[in-house]
Protein backbone atom coordinates (compact mmCIF):
# COMPACT_ATOMS: atom_id res chain seq x y z
CA MET A 1 20.94 -19.62 -22.46
CA LYS A 2 21.21 -17.57 -19.31
CA GLN A 3 19.08 -17.71 -16.19
CA ILE A 4 18.52 -14.92 -13.71
CA GLU A 5 17.07 -15.24 -10.26
CA VAL A 6 14.71 -12.63 -8.85
CA VAL A 7 14.73 -12.41 -5.06
CA THR A 8 12.23 -10.43 -3.02
CA PRO A 9 13.58 -9.66 0.45
CA ILE A 10 10.76 -9.47 2.99
CA LEU A 11 11.19 -8.78 6.68
CA ILE A 12 8.36 -10.31 8.72
CA VAL A 13 7.63 -8.28 11.85
CA LYS A 14 5.00 -7.97 14.52
CA TYR A 15 3.24 -4.69 15.26
CA ASP A 16 5.14 -4.14 18.55
CA GLU A 17 8.44 -4.39 16.65
CA LEU A 18 7.63 -1.39 14.43
CA SER A 19 8.94 2.13 14.91
CA VAL A 20 6.54 4.79 16.20
CA ASP A 21 6.21 6.24 12.69
CA ASP A 22 5.47 2.83 11.16
CA CYS A 23 2.85 2.15 13.87
CA ARG A 24 1.13 5.44 13.00
CA LEU A 25 1.09 4.46 9.35
CA VAL A 26 -0.26 0.96 10.02
CA ASN A 27 -2.94 2.39 12.33
CA ALA A 28 -4.00 4.84 9.61
CA ALA A 29 -4.24 2.05 7.00
CA ARG A 30 -6.28 -0.12 9.36
CA LYS A 31 -8.60 2.78 10.13
CA ALA A 32 -8.98 3.60 6.42
CA THR A 33 -10.56 0.18 5.78
CA ALA A 34 -13.72 1.54 7.43
CA ASN A 35 -14.05 4.08 4.59
CA ALA A 36 -14.11 1.45 1.84
CA TYR A 37 -17.10 1.09 -0.42
CA ALA A 38 -17.02 -2.65 -1.18
CA PRO A 39 -20.58 -3.92 -1.59
CA TYR A 40 -19.56 -6.42 -4.30
CA SER A 41 -16.30 -7.95 -3.11
CA LYS A 42 -16.99 -7.53 0.62
CA PHE A 43 -13.24 -6.92 0.91
CA SER A 44 -12.35 -3.55 2.44
CA VAL A 45 -8.84 -2.27 1.83
CA GLY A 46 -7.18 0.74 3.42
CA ALA A 47 -3.90 2.37 2.44
CA ALA A 48 -1.89 5.09 4.15
CA VAL A 49 0.97 7.02 2.54
CA ALA A 50 3.61 8.78 4.63
CA LEU A 51 4.92 11.95 2.99
CA SER A 52 8.15 13.86 3.51
CA ASN A 53 6.18 16.84 4.88
CA GLY A 54 4.92 14.73 7.82
CA GLU A 55 1.43 14.20 6.40
CA ILE A 56 -0.23 10.79 6.27
CA ILE A 57 -2.79 10.47 3.49
CA ILE A 58 -5.29 7.62 3.51
CA GLY A 59 -7.33 5.94 0.82
CA SER A 60 -9.77 3.05 0.63
CA ASN A 61 -11.07 0.91 -2.19
CA GLN A 62 -14.12 2.29 -3.99
CA GLU A 63 -16.08 -0.25 -6.00
CA ASN A 64 -18.60 0.36 -8.75
CA VAL A 65 -21.16 -1.94 -10.35
CA ALA A 66 -19.66 -0.93 -13.71
CA TYR A 67 -16.47 -2.90 -13.06
CA PRO A 68 -13.62 -1.88 -13.54
CA SER A 69 -14.72 1.69 -12.84
CA GLY A 70 -13.79 1.42 -9.17
CA MET A 71 -10.39 2.18 -7.70
CA CYS A 72 -8.02 0.36 -5.35
CA ALA A 73 -7.11 1.88 -1.98
CA GLU A 74 -3.46 2.28 -2.89
CA ARG A 75 -4.13 4.39 -5.97
CA VAL A 76 -6.83 6.43 -4.19
CA ALA A 77 -4.26 7.32 -1.49
CA CYS A 78 -1.42 7.96 -3.96
CA PHE A 79 -3.40 10.09 -6.37
CA TYR A 80 -4.87 12.18 -3.57
CA ALA A 81 -1.51 12.56 -1.81
CA HIS A 82 0.26 13.80 -4.91
CA SER A 83 -2.57 16.08 -6.01
CA ARG A 84 -2.79 17.63 -2.54
CA PHE A 85 0.97 17.81 -1.82
CA PRO A 86 2.75 17.71 -5.20
CA ASP A 87 6.13 18.72 -3.74
CA ALA A 88 6.15 16.12 -0.94
CA LYS A 89 8.00 12.86 -1.52
CA PHE A 90 6.44 9.51 -0.72
CA GLN A 91 8.37 7.76 2.05
CA ALA A 92 6.26 4.72 2.97
CA ILE A 93 2.91 3.06 2.37
CA ALA A 94 0.94 0.67 4.58
CA ILE A 95 -1.87 -1.51 3.23
CA ALA A 96 -4.44 -3.31 5.40
CA ALA A 97 -7.71 -5.13 4.74
CA GLN A 98 -10.87 -6.46 6.37
CA ASP A 99 -13.05 -9.33 5.23
CA GLY A 100 -16.81 -9.10 4.75
CA ASN A 101 -17.37 -9.69 8.48
CA GLY A 102 -15.21 -6.73 9.50
CA ASN A 103 -12.30 -8.91 10.63
CA GLU A 104 -8.76 -7.94 9.78
CA VAL A 105 -7.34 -10.38 7.23
CA LYS A 106 -4.94 -12.90 8.73
CA GLN A 107 -2.35 -12.85 5.97
CA PRO A 108 -0.83 -9.60 4.73
CA ILE A 109 -2.21 -8.59 1.34
CA SER A 110 -0.24 -7.10 -1.50
CA PRO A 111 -1.19 -4.54 -4.15
CA CYS A 112 -2.55 -5.57 -7.55
CA GLY A 113 -0.36 -5.14 -10.62
CA SER A 114 -1.84 -1.76 -11.55
CA CYS A 115 -1.17 -0.42 -8.06
CA ARG A 116 2.36 -1.80 -8.07
CA GLN A 117 3.07 0.05 -11.31
CA ALA A 118 1.48 3.26 -9.98
CA LEU A 119 3.48 3.03 -6.75
CA LEU A 120 6.65 2.51 -8.73
CA GLU A 121 5.98 5.78 -10.53
CA TYR A 122 5.89 7.62 -7.18
CA GLU A 123 9.10 5.88 -6.12
CA LYS A 124 10.70 7.18 -9.33
CA LEU A 125 9.30 10.65 -8.61
CA ALA A 126 10.66 10.57 -5.04
CA GLU A 127 14.08 9.49 -6.37
CA ASP A 128 14.26 7.20 -3.35
CA ASP A 129 12.85 3.93 -2.09
CA ILE A 130 9.34 3.84 -0.66
CA LYS A 131 9.02 1.43 2.26
CA VAL A 132 6.06 -0.95 1.92
CA LEU A 133 4.18 -2.39 4.92
CA LEU A 134 1.73 -5.17 4.05
CA VAL A 135 -0.45 -5.61 7.12
CA GLY A 136 -1.99 -8.81 8.43
CA ALA A 137 -3.69 -9.47 11.75
CA VAL A 138 -0.53 -10.88 13.33
CA GLU A 139 2.35 -10.40 10.91
CA ILE A 140 3.43 -7.43 8.84
CA TYR A 141 5.57 -7.87 5.75
CA MET A 142 8.10 -5.05 5.41
CA LEU A 143 9.71 -4.41 2.04
CA GLN A 144 12.34 -1.74 1.57
CA SER A 145 11.06 -0.58 -1.80
CA VAL A 146 8.25 -0.85 -4.31
CA LYS A 147 10.79 -2.35 -6.72
CA SER A 148 10.70 -5.42 -4.46
CA LEU A 149 7.03 -5.88 -5.40
CA LEU A 150 7.62 -5.42 -9.12
CA PRO A 151 11.22 -6.37 -9.93
CA LEU A 152 10.77 -6.51 -13.72
CA ALA A 153 8.69 -3.36 -13.90
CA PHE A 154 7.97 -1.36 -17.00
CA ALA A 155 10.09 1.77 -16.76
CA LEU A 156 11.28 4.52 -19.08
């Protein structure tokens, strides 16, 4: 029998410790939460993807009464970014959320499994790591790659 250990390195930072580019990305993700359509969960998520061409593309969760027909913010942003700029590489993604009262969530949130797998596909396409910023009201979790979120990912 053999045992392996999976370690997820996470750097915990405050907003004022971020680079200018990371602040722009976090601000865009926070702003994108206002575009969410979340009448059922009352949980508004915003995502912002930084591309190699300098563009920042945002997405927000879009719910539907015919669950699971809705879409998470991360995949909305990723799918739109790649369809609009197919030659640009993904460099980073920030994800933020608000509760049903419009308050930013205290703890950073992380993508669902489907979004993790979709993000991993764009990391593969970029042939480089995609930085991940999981945004909370006070702390931001910084991961150096999507692989950190899904270490035993399905890959071909």
